[in-house]
Amino acid sequence: LLIALMSSFSMIAQSGNFTVSGKIKGLDSEYLSMYIYDESF
């Protein structure tokens, strides 16, 4: 449990890039609109 918690919390303070991807049945639009919510913006 402690290892799982450390793994979960270790991602919180870092800084860098993330990747999001998907293969969605019925996704027939040309583009998606993504909003990242953070007070630093």
Full PDB file with SEQRES, HELIX, SHEET, SSBOND, CRYST1, ORIGX, SCALE, CONECT and MASTER records, all heavy atoms in Angstrom:
SEQRES   1 A   41  LEU LEU ILE ALA LEU MET SER SER PHE SER MET ILE ALA          
SEQRES   2 A   41  GLN SER GLY ASN PHE THR VAL SER GLY LYS ILE LYS GLY          
SEQRES   3 A   41  LEU ASP SER GLU TYR LEU SER MET TYR ILE TYR ASP GLU          
SEQRES   4 A   41  SER PHE                                                      
HELIX    1 AA1 LEU A    2  SER A   10  1                                   9    
CRYST1    1.000    1.000    1.000  90.00  90.00  90.00 P 1           1          
ORIGX1      1.000000  0.000000  0.000000        0.00000                         
ORIGX2      0.000000  1.000000  0.000000        0.00000                         
ORIGX3      0.000000  0.000000  1.000000        0.00000                         
SCALE1      1.000000  0.000000  0.000000        0.00000                         
SCALE2      0.000000  1.000000  0.000000        0.00000                         
SCALE3      0.000000  0.000000  1.000000        0.00000                         
ATOM      1  N   LEU A   1       0.832  -1.204   0.000  1.00  0.00           N  
ATOM      2  CA  LEU A   1       0.000   0.000   0.000  1.00  0.00           C  
ATOM      3  C   LEU A   1       0.866   1.254   0.000  1.00  0.00           C  
ATOM      4  O   LEU A   1       0.602   2.212  -0.722  1.00  0.00           O  
ATOM      5  CB  LEU A   1      -0.916   0.000   1.228  1.00  0.00           C  
ATOM      6  CG  LEU A   1      -1.766   1.267   1.439  1.00  0.00           C  
ATOM      7  CD1 LEU A   1      -2.682   1.487   0.247  1.00  0.00           C  
ATOM      8  CD2 LEU A   1      -2.557   1.177   2.724  1.00  0.00           C  
ATOM      9  N   LEU A   2       1.945   1.247   0.800  1.00  0.00           N  
ATOM     10  CA  LEU A   2       2.836   2.407   0.850  1.00  0.00           C  
ATOM     11  C   LEU A   2       3.503   2.663  -0.481  1.00  0.00           C  
ATOM     12  O   LEU A   2       3.647   3.802  -0.928  1.00  0.00           O  
ATOM     13  CB  LEU A   2       3.903   2.200   1.937  1.00  0.00           C  
ATOM     14  CG  LEU A   2       3.426   2.340   3.387  1.00  0.00           C  
ATOM     15  CD1 LEU A   2       4.522   1.931   4.351  1.00  0.00           C  
ATOM     16  CD2 LEU A   2       3.006   3.773   3.657  1.00  0.00           C  
ATOM     17  N   ILE A   3       3.907   1.596  -1.171  1.00  0.00           N  
ATOM     18  CA  ILE A   3       4.512   1.751  -2.495  1.00  0.00           C  
ATOM     19  C   ILE A   3       3.518   2.360  -3.460  1.00  0.00           C  
ATOM     20  O   ILE A   3       3.839   3.263  -4.235  1.00  0.00           O  
ATOM     21  CB  ILE A   3       5.004   0.380  -3.034  1.00  0.00           C  
ATOM     22  CG1 ILE A   3       6.190  -0.099  -2.194  1.00  0.00           C  
ATOM     23  CG2 ILE A   3       5.389   0.492  -4.504  1.00  0.00           C  
ATOM     24  CD1 ILE A   3       6.695  -1.473  -2.575  1.00  0.00           C  
ATOM     25  N   ALA A   4       2.266   1.896  -3.396  1.00  0.00           N  
ATOM     26  CA  ALA A   4       1.227   2.416  -4.290  1.00  0.00           C  
ATOM     27  C   ALA A   4       0.975   3.895  -4.016  1.00  0.00           C  
ATOM     28  O   ALA A   4       0.828   4.692  -4.941  1.00  0.00           O  
ATOM     29  CB  ALA A   4      -0.070   1.624  -4.099  1.00  0.00           C  
ATOM     30  N   LEU A   5       0.942   4.258  -2.730  1.00  0.00           N  
ATOM     31  CA  LEU A   5       0.719   5.655  -2.386  1.00  0.00           C  
ATOM     32  C   LEU A   5       1.878   6.526  -2.837  1.00  0.00           C  
ATOM     33  O   LEU A   5       1.688   7.607  -3.390  1.00  0.00           O  
ATOM     34  CB  LEU A   5       0.546   5.809  -0.873  1.00  0.00           C  
ATOM     35  CG  LEU A   5      -0.807   5.410  -0.300  1.00  0.00           C  
ATOM     36  CD1 LEU A   5      -0.758   5.449   1.221  1.00  0.00           C  
ATOM     37  CD2 LEU A   5      -1.891   6.330  -0.817  1.00  0.00           C  
ATOM     38  N   MET A   6       3.117   6.045  -2.642  1.00  0.00           N  
ATOM     39  CA  MET A   6       4.287   6.819  -3.062  1.00  0.00           C  
ATOM     40  C   MET A   6       4.296   7.014  -4.562  1.00  0.00           C  
ATOM     41  O   MET A   6       4.618   8.083  -5.071  1.00  0.00           O  
ATOM     42  CB  MET A   6       5.571   6.106  -2.612  1.00  0.00           C  
ATOM     43  CG  MET A   6       5.795   6.152  -1.107  1.00  0.00           C  
ATOM     44  SD  MET A   6       7.143   5.100  -0.563  1.00  0.00           S  
ATOM     45  CE  MET A   6       8.517   5.888  -1.378  1.00  0.00           C  
ATOM     46  N   SER A   7       3.880   5.984  -5.287  1.00  0.00           N  
ATOM     47  CA  SER A   7       3.804   6.088  -6.748  1.00  0.00           C  
ATOM     48  C   SER A   7       2.756   7.103  -7.162  1.00  0.00           C  
ATOM     49  O   SER A   7       2.961   7.896  -8.085  1.00  0.00           O  
ATOM     50  CB  SER A   7       3.459   4.715  -7.341  1.00  0.00           C  
ATOM     51  OG  SER A   7       3.242   4.825  -8.727  1.00  0.00           O  
ATOM     52  N   SER A   8       1.613   7.084  -6.475  1.00  0.00           N  
ATOM     53  CA  SER A   8       0.532   8.008  -6.806  1.00  0.00           C  
ATOM     54  C   SER A   8       0.922   9.444  -6.526  1.00  0.00           C  
ATOM     55  O   SER A   8       0.668  10.340  -7.329  1.00  0.00           O  
ATOM     56  CB  SER A   8      -0.715   7.642  -6.001  1.00  0.00           C  
ATOM     57  OG  SER A   8      -1.738   8.580  -6.204  1.00  0.00           O  
ATOM     58  N   PHE A   9       1.597   9.694  -5.378  1.00  0.00           N  
ATOM     59  CA  PHE A   9       1.909  11.061  -4.994  1.00  0.00           C  
ATOM     60  C   PHE A   9       3.157  11.587  -5.679  1.00  0.00           C  
ATOM     61  O   PHE A   9       3.349  12.783  -5.788  1.00  0.00           O  
ATOM     62  CB  PHE A   9       2.083  11.177  -3.474  1.00  0.00           C  
ATOM     63  CG  PHE A   9       0.817  10.918  -2.716  1.00  0.00           C  
ATOM     64  CD1 PHE A   9       0.766   9.962  -1.719  1.00  0.00           C  
ATOM     65  CD2 PHE A   9      -0.332  11.628  -3.007  1.00  0.00           C  
ATOM     66  CE1 PHE A   9      -0.405   9.733  -1.021  1.00  0.00           C  
ATOM     67  CE2 PHE A   9      -1.508  11.410  -2.303  1.00  0.00           C  
ATOM     68  CZ  PHE A   9      -1.540  10.448  -1.313  1.00  0.00           C  
ATOM     69  N   SER A  10       4.054  10.711  -6.159  1.00  0.00           N  
ATOM     70  CA  SER A  10       5.291  11.174  -6.763  1.00  0.00           C  
ATOM     71  C   SER A  10       5.050  11.992  -8.013  1.00  0.00           C  
ATOM     72  O   SER A  10       5.844  12.836  -8.386  1.00  0.00           O  
ATOM     73  CB  SER A  10       6.192   9.976  -7.107  1.00  0.00           C  
ATOM     74  OG  SER A  10       5.589   9.187  -8.118  1.00  0.00           O  
ATOM     75  N   MET A  11       3.917  11.769  -8.688  1.00  0.00           N  
ATOM     76  CA  MET A  11       3.633  12.487  -9.929  1.00  0.00           C  
ATOM     77  C   MET A  11       3.162  13.905  -9.674  1.00  0.00           C  
ATOM     78  O   MET A  11       3.123  14.727 -10.579  1.00  0.00           O  
ATOM     79  CB  MET A  11       2.560  11.750 -10.729  1.00  0.00           C  
ATOM     80  CG  MET A  11       1.197  11.735 -10.057  1.00  0.00           C  
ATOM     81  SD  MET A  11       0.020  10.779 -11.011  1.00  0.00           S  
ATOM     82  CE  MET A  11      -1.475  11.071 -10.094  1.00  0.00           C  
ATOM     83  N   ILE A  12       2.824  14.251  -8.422  1.00  0.00           N  
ATOM     84  CA  ILE A  12       2.158  15.512  -8.158  1.00  0.00           C  
ATOM     85  C   ILE A  12       3.086  16.712  -8.302  1.00  0.00           C  
ATOM     86  O   ILE A  12       2.720  17.723  -8.860  1.00  0.00           O  
ATOM     87  CB  ILE A  12       1.539  15.491  -6.741  1.00  0.00           C  
ATOM     88  CG1 ILE A  12       0.426  14.453  -6.690  1.00  0.00           C  
ATOM     89  CG2 ILE A  12       0.994  16.854  -6.351  1.00  0.00           C  
ATOM     90  CD1 ILE A  12      -0.094  14.187  -5.311  1.00  0.00           C  
ATOM     91  N   ALA A  13       4.332  16.609  -7.809  1.00  0.00           N  
ATOM     92  CA  ALA A  13       5.186  17.781  -7.727  1.00  0.00           C  
ATOM     93  C   ALA A  13       6.089  17.965  -8.946  1.00  0.00           C  
ATOM     94  O   ALA A  13       6.810  18.947  -9.023  1.00  0.00           O  
ATOM     95  CB  ALA A  13       6.029  17.682  -6.466  1.00  0.00           C  
ATOM     96  N   GLN A  14       6.095  17.044  -9.881  1.00  0.00           N  
ATOM     97  CA  GLN A  14       6.972  17.121 -11.040  1.00  0.00           C  
ATOM     98  C   GLN A  14       6.505  18.171 -12.027  1.00  0.00           C  
ATOM     99  O   GLN A  14       5.442  18.751 -11.899  1.00  0.00           O  
ATOM    100  CB  GLN A  14       7.020  15.750 -11.741  1.00  0.00           C  
ATOM    101  CG  GLN A  14       7.581  14.650 -10.855  1.00  0.00           C  
ATOM    102  CD  GLN A  14       7.466  13.286 -11.504  1.00  0.00           C  
ATOM    103  OE1 GLN A  14       6.982  13.157 -12.626  1.00  0.00           O  
ATOM    104  NE2 GLN A  14       7.911  12.268 -10.808  1.00  0.00           N  
ATOM    105  N   SER A  15       7.343  18.431 -13.042  1.00  0.00           N  
ATOM    106  CA  SER A  15       6.978  19.364 -14.094  1.00  0.00           C  
ATOM    107  C   SER A  15       7.471  18.804 -15.407  1.00  0.00           C  
ATOM    108  O   SER A  15       8.607  18.343 -15.500  1.00  0.00           O  
ATOM    109  CB  SER A  15       7.597  20.737 -13.824  1.00  0.00           C  
ATOM    110  OG  SER A  15       7.247  21.630 -14.854  1.00  0.00           O  
ATOM    111  N   GLY A  16       6.631  18.805 -16.446  1.00  0.00           N  
ATOM    112  CA  GLY A  16       7.043  18.258 -17.731  1.00  0.00           C  
ATOM    113  C   GLY A  16       5.873  18.107 -18.665  1.00  0.00           C  
ATOM    114  O   GLY A  16       4.884  18.825 -18.560  1.00  0.00           O  
ATOM    115  N   ASN A  17       5.974  17.158 -19.607  1.00  0.00           N  
ATOM    116  CA  ASN A  17       4.922  16.935 -20.590  1.00  0.00           C  
ATOM    117  C   ASN A  17       4.060  15.733 -20.226  1.00  0.00           C  
ATOM    118  O   ASN A  17       4.538  14.784 -19.605  1.00  0.00           O  
ATOM    119  CB  ASN A  17       5.531  16.696 -21.965  1.00  0.00           C  
ATOM    120  CG  ASN A  17       6.240  17.924 -22.494  1.00  0.00           C  
ATOM    121  OD1 ASN A  17       5.890  19.040 -22.140  1.00  0.00           O  
ATOM    122  ND2 ASN A  17       7.250  17.726 -23.328  1.00  0.00           N  
ATOM    123  N   PHE A  18       2.816  15.781 -20.628  1.00  0.00           N  
ATOM    124  CA  PHE A  18       1.953  14.611 -20.540  1.00  0.00           C  
ATOM    125  C   PHE A  18       1.414  14.322 -21.934  1.00  0.00           C  
ATOM    126  O   PHE A  18       1.388  15.194 -22.802  1.00  0.00           O  
ATOM    127  CB  PHE A  18       0.792  14.824 -19.551  1.00  0.00           C  
ATOM    128  CG  PHE A  18      -0.297  15.724 -20.081  1.00  0.00           C  
ATOM    129  CD1 PHE A  18      -1.404  15.192 -20.737  1.00  0.00           C  
ATOM    130  CD2 PHE A  18      -0.226  17.100 -19.925  1.00  0.00           C  
ATOM    131  CE1 PHE A  18      -2.409  16.013 -21.233  1.00  0.00           C  
ATOM    132  CE2 PHE A  18      -1.224  17.932 -20.405  1.00  0.00           C  
ATOM    133  CZ  PHE A  18      -2.319  17.384 -21.072  1.00  0.00           C  
ATOM    134  N   THR A  19       0.975  13.085 -22.127  1.00  0.00           N  
ATOM    135  CA  THR A  19       0.398  12.678 -23.405  1.00  0.00           C  
ATOM    136  C   THR A  19      -0.986  12.092 -23.170  1.00  0.00           C  
ATOM    137  O   THR A  19      -1.190  11.317 -22.241  1.00  0.00           O  
ATOM    138  CB  THR A  19       1.282  11.622 -24.104  1.00  0.00           C  
ATOM    139  OG1 THR A  19       2.557  12.194 -24.387  1.00  0.00           O  
ATOM    140  CG2 THR A  19       0.653  11.159 -25.415  1.00  0.00           C  
ATOM    141  N   VAL A  20      -1.947  12.499 -24.005  1.00  0.00           N  
ATOM    142  CA  VAL A  20      -3.274  11.907 -23.971  1.00  0.00           C  
ATOM    143  C   VAL A  20      -3.590  11.392 -25.374  1.00  0.00           C  
ATOM    144  O   VAL A  20      -3.302  12.059 -26.370  1.00  0.00           O  
ATOM    145  CB  VAL A  20      -4.349  12.919 -23.496  1.00  0.00           C  
ATOM    146  CG1 VAL A  20      -4.399  14.148 -24.389  1.00  0.00           C  
ATOM    147  CG2 VAL A  20      -5.710  12.261 -23.408  1.00  0.00           C  
ATOM    148  N   SER A  21      -4.155  10.201 -25.438  1.00  0.00           N  
ATOM    149  CA  SER A  21      -4.489   9.607 -26.731  1.00  0.00           C  
ATOM    150  C   SER A  21      -5.766   8.807 -26.589  1.00  0.00           C  
ATOM    151  O   SER A  21      -6.264   8.591 -25.487  1.00  0.00           O  
ATOM    152  CB  SER A  21      -3.346   8.708 -27.223  1.00  0.00           C  
ATOM    153  OG  SER A  21      -3.117   7.647 -26.301  1.00  0.00           O  
ATOM    154  N   GLY A  22      -6.312   8.366 -27.713  1.00  0.00           N  
ATOM    155  CA  GLY A  22      -7.525   7.565 -27.651  1.00  0.00           C  
ATOM    156  C   GLY A  22      -7.943   7.028 -28.996  1.00  0.00           C  
ATOM    157  O   GLY A  22      -7.578   7.571 -30.043  1.00  0.00           O  
ATOM    158  N   LYS A  23      -8.667   5.938 -28.950  1.00  0.00           N  
ATOM    159  CA  LYS A  23      -9.322   5.349 -30.119  1.00  0.00           C  
ATOM    160  C   LYS A  23     -10.770   5.160 -29.709  1.00  0.00           C  
ATOM    161  O   LYS A  23     -11.111   4.266 -28.936  1.00  0.00           O  
ATOM    162  CB  LYS A  23      -8.663   4.012 -30.486  1.00  0.00           C  
ATOM    163  CG  LYS A  23      -9.401   3.231 -31.559  1.00  0.00           C  
ATOM    164  CD  LYS A  23      -9.250   3.853 -32.937  1.00  0.00           C  
ATOM    165  CE  LYS A  23      -9.856   2.949 -34.014  1.00  0.00           C  
ATOM    166  NZ  LYS A  23      -9.790   3.550 -35.364  1.00  0.00           N  
ATOM    167  N   ILE A  24     -11.657   6.039 -30.204  1.00  0.00           N  
ATOM    168  CA  ILE A  24     -13.026   6.110 -29.712  1.00  0.00           C  
ATOM    169  C   ILE A  24     -14.007   5.837 -30.846  1.00  0.00           C  
ATOM    170  O   ILE A  24     -14.062   6.583 -31.835  1.00  0.00           O  
ATOM    171  CB  ILE A  24     -13.329   7.502 -29.116  1.00  0.00           C  
ATOM    172  CG1 ILE A  24     -12.222   7.945 -28.147  1.00  0.00           C  
ATOM    173  CG2 ILE A  24     -14.693   7.500 -28.445  1.00  0.00           C  
ATOM    174  CD1 ILE A  24     -12.101   7.111 -26.911  1.00  0.00           C  
ATOM    175  N   LYS A  25     -14.775   4.790 -30.692  1.00  0.00           N  
ATOM    176  CA  LYS A  25     -15.807   4.482 -31.686  1.00  0.00           C  
ATOM    177  C   LYS A  25     -16.826   5.619 -31.751  1.00  0.00           C  
ATOM    178  O   LYS A  25     -17.338   6.082 -30.737  1.00  0.00           O  
ATOM    179  CB  LYS A  25     -16.510   3.180 -31.308  1.00  0.00           C  
ATOM    180  CG  LYS A  25     -17.553   2.727 -32.314  1.00  0.00           C  
ATOM    181  CD  LYS A  25     -18.212   1.428 -31.873  1.00  0.00           C  
ATOM    182  CE  LYS A  25     -19.285   0.991 -32.844  1.00  0.00           C  
ATOM    183  NZ  LYS A  25     -19.966  -0.249 -32.388  1.00  0.00           N  
ATOM    184  N   GLY A  26     -17.099   6.095 -32.960  1.00  0.00           N  
ATOM    185  CA  GLY A  26     -18.087   7.160 -33.140  1.00  0.00           C  
ATOM    186  C   GLY A  26     -17.515   8.562 -33.028  1.00  0.00           C  
ATOM    187  O   GLY A  26     -18.256   9.543 -33.121  1.00  0.00           O  
ATOM    188  N   LEU A  27     -16.201   8.697 -32.850  1.00  0.00           N  
ATOM    189  CA  LEU A  27     -15.572  10.012 -32.777  1.00  0.00           C  
ATOM    190  C   LEU A  27     -15.367  10.518 -34.204  1.00  0.00           C  
ATOM    191  O   LEU A  27     -14.368  10.233 -34.846  1.00  0.00           O  
ATOM    192  CB  LEU A  27     -14.243   9.932 -32.035  1.00  0.00           C  
ATOM    193  CG  LEU A  27     -13.472  11.256 -31.858  1.00  0.00           C  
ATOM    194  CD1 LEU A  27     -14.314  12.297 -31.147  1.00  0.00           C  
ATOM    195  CD2 LEU A  27     -12.169  11.019 -31.108  1.00  0.00           C  
ATOM    196  N   ASP A  28     -16.333  11.280 -34.706  1.00  0.00           N  
ATOM    197  CA  ASP A  28     -16.318  11.672 -36.111  1.00  0.00           C  
ATOM    198  C   ASP A  28     -16.113  13.176 -36.321  1.00  0.00           C  
ATOM    199  O   ASP A  28     -16.420  13.713 -37.386  1.00  0.00           O  
ATOM    200  CB  ASP A  28     -17.615  11.236 -36.804  1.00  0.00           C  
ATOM    201  CG  ASP A  28     -18.868  11.694 -36.060  1.00  0.00           C  
ATOM    202  OD1 ASP A  28     -18.743  12.543 -35.149  1.00  0.00           O  
ATOM    203  OD2 ASP A  28     -19.964  11.200 -36.389  1.00  0.00           O  
ATOM    204  N   SER A  29     -15.593  13.870 -35.309  1.00  0.00           N  
ATOM    205  CA  SER A  29     -15.290  15.290 -35.475  1.00  0.00           C  
ATOM    206  C   SER A  29     -13.882  15.459 -36.050  1.00  0.00           C  
ATOM    207  O   SER A  29     -13.077  14.515 -36.052  1.00  0.00           O  
ATOM    208  CB  SER A  29     -15.391  16.027 -34.136  1.00  0.00           C  
ATOM    209  OG  SER A  29     -14.520  15.451 -33.186  1.00  0.00           O  
ATOM    210  N   GLU A  30     -13.568  16.664 -36.518  1.00  0.00           N  
ATOM    211  CA  GLU A  30     -12.257  16.933 -37.087  1.00  0.00           C  
ATOM    212  C   GLU A  30     -11.215  17.238 -36.012  1.00  0.00           C  
ATOM    213  O   GLU A  30     -10.017  17.014 -36.227  1.00  0.00           O  
ATOM    214  CB  GLU A  30     -12.336  18.112 -38.061  1.00  0.00           C  
ATOM    215  CG  GLU A  30     -13.183  17.818 -39.301  1.00  0.00           C  
ATOM    216  CD  GLU A  30     -13.192  18.989 -40.264  1.00  0.00           C  
ATOM    217  OE1 GLU A  30     -12.521  20.019 -39.977  1.00  0.00           O  
ATOM    218  OE2 GLU A  30     -13.863  18.893 -41.307  1.00  0.00           O  
ATOM    219  N   TYR A  31     -11.656  17.780 -34.905  1.00  0.00           N  
ATOM    220  CA  TYR A  31     -10.712  18.114 -33.838  1.00  0.00           C  
ATOM    221  C   TYR A  31     -11.435  18.111 -32.495  1.00  0.00           C  
ATOM    222  O   TYR A  31     -12.660  18.210 -32.423  1.00  0.00           O  
ATOM    223  CB  TYR A  31     -10.057  19.481 -34.085  1.00  0.00           C  
ATOM    224  CG  TYR A  31     -11.002  20.645 -33.939  1.00  0.00           C  
ATOM    225  CD1 TYR A  31     -11.088  21.349 -32.737  1.00  0.00           C  
ATOM    226  CD2 TYR A  31     -11.825  21.041 -34.995  1.00  0.00           C  
ATOM    227  CE1 TYR A  31     -11.958  22.413 -32.589  1.00  0.00           C  
ATOM    228  CE2 TYR A  31     -12.715  22.111 -34.847  1.00  0.00           C  
ATOM    229  CZ  TYR A  31     -12.760  22.790 -33.652  1.00  0.00           C  
ATOM    230  OH  TYR A  31     -13.633  23.837 -33.511  1.00  0.00           O  
ATOM    231  N   LEU A  32     -10.667  18.005 -31.423  1.00  0.00           N  
ATOM    232  CA  LEU A  32     -11.151  18.087 -30.056  1.00  0.00           C  
ATOM    233  C   LEU A  32     -10.695  19.416 -29.458  1.00  0.00           C  
ATOM    234  O   LEU A  32      -9.643  19.947 -29.840  1.00  0.00           O  
ATOM    235  CB  LEU A  32     -10.592  16.945 -29.199  1.00  0.00           C  
ATOM    236  CG  LEU A  32     -10.702  15.520 -29.749  1.00  0.00           C  
ATOM    237  CD1 LEU A  32      -9.954  14.556 -28.830  1.00  0.00           C  
ATOM    238  CD2 LEU A  32     -12.155  15.115 -29.884  1.00  0.00           C  
ATOM    239  N   SER A  33     -11.458  19.940 -28.509  1.00  0.00           N  
ATOM    240  CA  SER A  33     -11.067  21.157 -27.791  1.00  0.00           C  
ATOM    241  C   SER A  33     -10.699  20.771 -26.363  1.00  0.00           C  
ATOM    242  O   SER A  33     -11.527  20.253 -25.615  1.00  0.00           O  
ATOM    243  CB  SER A  33     -12.213  22.175 -27.773  1.00  0.00           C  
ATOM    244  OG  SER A  33     -12.543  22.579 -29.086  1.00  0.00           O  
ATOM    245  N   MET A  34      -9.439  21.005 -26.005  1.00  0.00           N  
ATOM    246  CA  MET A  34      -8.937  20.587 -24.693  1.00  0.00           C  
ATOM    247  C   MET A  34      -8.655  21.799 -23.815  1.00  0.00           C  
ATOM    248  O   MET A  34      -8.050  22.771 -24.252  1.00  0.00           O  
ATOM    249  CB  MET A  34      -7.654  19.771 -24.849  1.00  0.00           C  
ATOM    250  CG  MET A  34      -7.081  19.275 -23.521  1.00  0.00           C  
ATOM    251  SD  MET A  34      -5.626  18.210 -23.732  1.00  0.00           S  
ATOM    252  CE  MET A  34      -4.388  19.452 -24.117  1.00  0.00           C  
ATOM    253  N   TYR A  35      -9.114  21.723 -22.560  1.00  0.00           N  
ATOM    254  CA  TYR A  35      -8.879  22.786 -21.588  1.00  0.00           C  
ATOM    255  C   TYR A  35      -8.141  22.198 -20.387  1.00  0.00           C  
ATOM    256  O   TYR A  35      -8.608  21.243 -19.763  1.00  0.00           O  
ATOM    257  CB  TYR A  35     -10.190  23.403 -21.129  1.00  0.00           C  
ATOM    258  CG  TYR A  35     -10.905  24.188 -22.203  1.00  0.00           C  
ATOM    259  CD1 TYR A  35     -11.700  23.546 -23.143  1.00  0.00           C  
ATOM    260  CD2 TYR A  35     -10.762  25.579 -22.290  1.00  0.00           C  
ATOM    261  CE1 TYR A  35     -12.350  24.264 -24.153  1.00  0.00           C  
ATOM    262  CE2 TYR A  35     -11.415  26.299 -23.276  1.00  0.00           C  
ATOM    263  CZ  TYR A  35     -12.207  25.640 -24.210  1.00  0.00           C  
ATOM    264  OH  TYR A  35     -12.841  26.355 -25.194  1.00  0.00           O  
ATOM    265  N   ILE A  36      -6.983  22.783 -20.071  1.00  0.00           N  
ATOM    266  CA  ILE A  36      -6.218  22.404 -18.887  1.00  0.00           C  
ATOM    267  C   ILE A  36      -6.485  23.452 -17.815  1.00  0.00           C  
ATOM    268  O   ILE A  36      -6.252  24.649 -18.031  1.00  0.00           O  
ATOM    269  CB  ILE A  36      -4.710  22.340 -19.175  1.00  0.00           C  
ATOM    270  CG1 ILE A  36      -4.434  21.383 -20.344  1.00  0.00           C  
ATOM    271  CG2 ILE A  36      -3.939  21.893 -17.936  1.00  0.00           C  
ATOM    272  CD1 ILE A  36      -2.983  21.393 -20.805  1.00  0.00           C  
ATOM    273  N   TYR A  37      -7.009  23.035 -16.673  1.00  0.00           N  
ATOM    274  CA  TYR A  37      -7.399  23.977 -15.627  1.00  0.00           C  
ATOM    275  C   TYR A  37      -6.318  24.056 -14.545  1.00  0.00           C  
ATOM    276  O   TYR A  37      -6.052  23.088 -13.837  1.00  0.00           O  
ATOM    277  CB  TYR A  37      -8.733  23.569 -15.015  1.00  0.00           C  
ATOM    278  CG  TYR A  37      -9.874  23.733 -15.989  1.00  0.00           C  
ATOM    279  CD1 TYR A  37     -10.306  22.671 -16.784  1.00  0.00           C  
ATOM    280  CD2 TYR A  37     -10.492  24.964 -16.148  1.00  0.00           C  
ATOM    281  CE1 TYR A  37     -11.341  22.838 -17.706  1.00  0.00           C  
ATOM    282  CE2 TYR A  37     -11.529  25.134 -17.061  1.00  0.00           C  
ATOM    283  CZ  TYR A  37     -11.934  24.068 -17.833  1.00  0.00           C  
ATOM    284  OH  TYR A  37     -12.950  24.235 -18.745  1.00  0.00           O  
ATOM    285  N   ASP A  38      -5.685  25.216 -14.478  1.00  0.00           N  
ATOM    286  CA  ASP A  38      -4.642  25.448 -13.487  1.00  0.00           C  
ATOM    287  C   ASP A  38      -4.547  26.947 -13.228  1.00  0.00           C  
ATOM    288  O   ASP A  38      -4.584  27.747 -14.162  1.00  0.00           O  
ATOM    289  CB  ASP A  38      -3.287  24.915 -13.971  1.00  0.00           C  
ATOM    290  CG  ASP A  38      -2.244  24.939 -12.860  1.00  0.00           C  
ATOM    291  OD1 ASP A  38      -1.640  26.009 -12.649  1.00  0.00           O  
ATOM    292  OD2 ASP A  38      -2.025  23.907 -12.211  1.00  0.00           O  
ATOM    293  N   GLU A  39      -4.422  27.332 -11.970  1.00  0.00           N  
ATOM    294  CA  GLU A  39      -4.401  28.751 -11.615  1.00  0.00           C  
ATOM    295  C   GLU A  39      -3.171  29.486 -12.144  1.00  0.00           C  
ATOM    296  O   GLU A  39      -3.138  30.717 -12.183  1.00  0.00           O  
ATOM    297  CB  GLU A  39      -4.469  28.916 -10.090  1.00  0.00           C  
ATOM    298  CG  GLU A  39      -5.834  28.615  -9.506  1.00  0.00           C  
ATOM    299  CD  GLU A  39      -5.919  28.969  -8.033  1.00  0.00           C  
ATOM    300  OE1 GLU A  39      -4.875  29.339  -7.454  1.00  0.00           O  
ATOM    301  OE2 GLU A  39      -7.013  28.879  -7.466  1.00  0.00           O  
ATOM    302  N   SER A  40      -2.138  28.744 -12.560  1.00  0.00           N  
ATOM    303  CA  SER A  40      -0.936  29.400 -13.083  1.00  0.00           C  
ATOM    304  C   SER A  40      -1.175  30.011 -14.459  1.00  0.00           C  
ATOM    305  O   SER A  40      -0.414  30.871 -14.901  1.00  0.00           O  
ATOM    306  CB  SER A  40       0.227  28.405 -13.158  1.00  0.00           C  
ATOM    307  OG  SER A  40      -0.061  27.354 -14.080  1.00  0.00           O  
ATOM    308  N   PHE A  41      -2.251  29.574 -15.143  1.00  0.00           N  
ATOM    309  CA  PHE A  41      -2.585  30.152 -16.442  1.00  0.00           C  
ATOM    310  C   PHE A  41      -3.361  31.456 -16.235  1.00  0.00           C  
ATOM    311  O   PHE A  41      -4.085  31.607 -15.254  1.00  0.00           O  
ATOM    312  CB  PHE A  41      -3.404  29.174 -17.286  1.00  0.00           C  
ATOM    313  CG  PHE A  41      -2.693  27.876 -17.554  1.00  0.00           C  
ATOM    314  CD1 PHE A  41      -3.318  26.665 -17.315  1.00  0.00           C  
ATOM    315  CD2 PHE A  41      -1.399  27.861 -18.040  1.00  0.00           C  
ATOM    316  CE1 PHE A  41      -2.668  25.463 -17.555  1.00  0.00           C  
ATOM    317  CE2 PHE A  41      -0.736  26.666 -18.286  1.00  0.00           C  
ATOM    318  CZ  PHE A  41      -1.366  25.468 -18.043  1.00  0.00           C  
TER     319      PHE A  41                                                      
MASTER        0    0    0    1    0    0    0    6  318    1    0    4          
END                                                                             
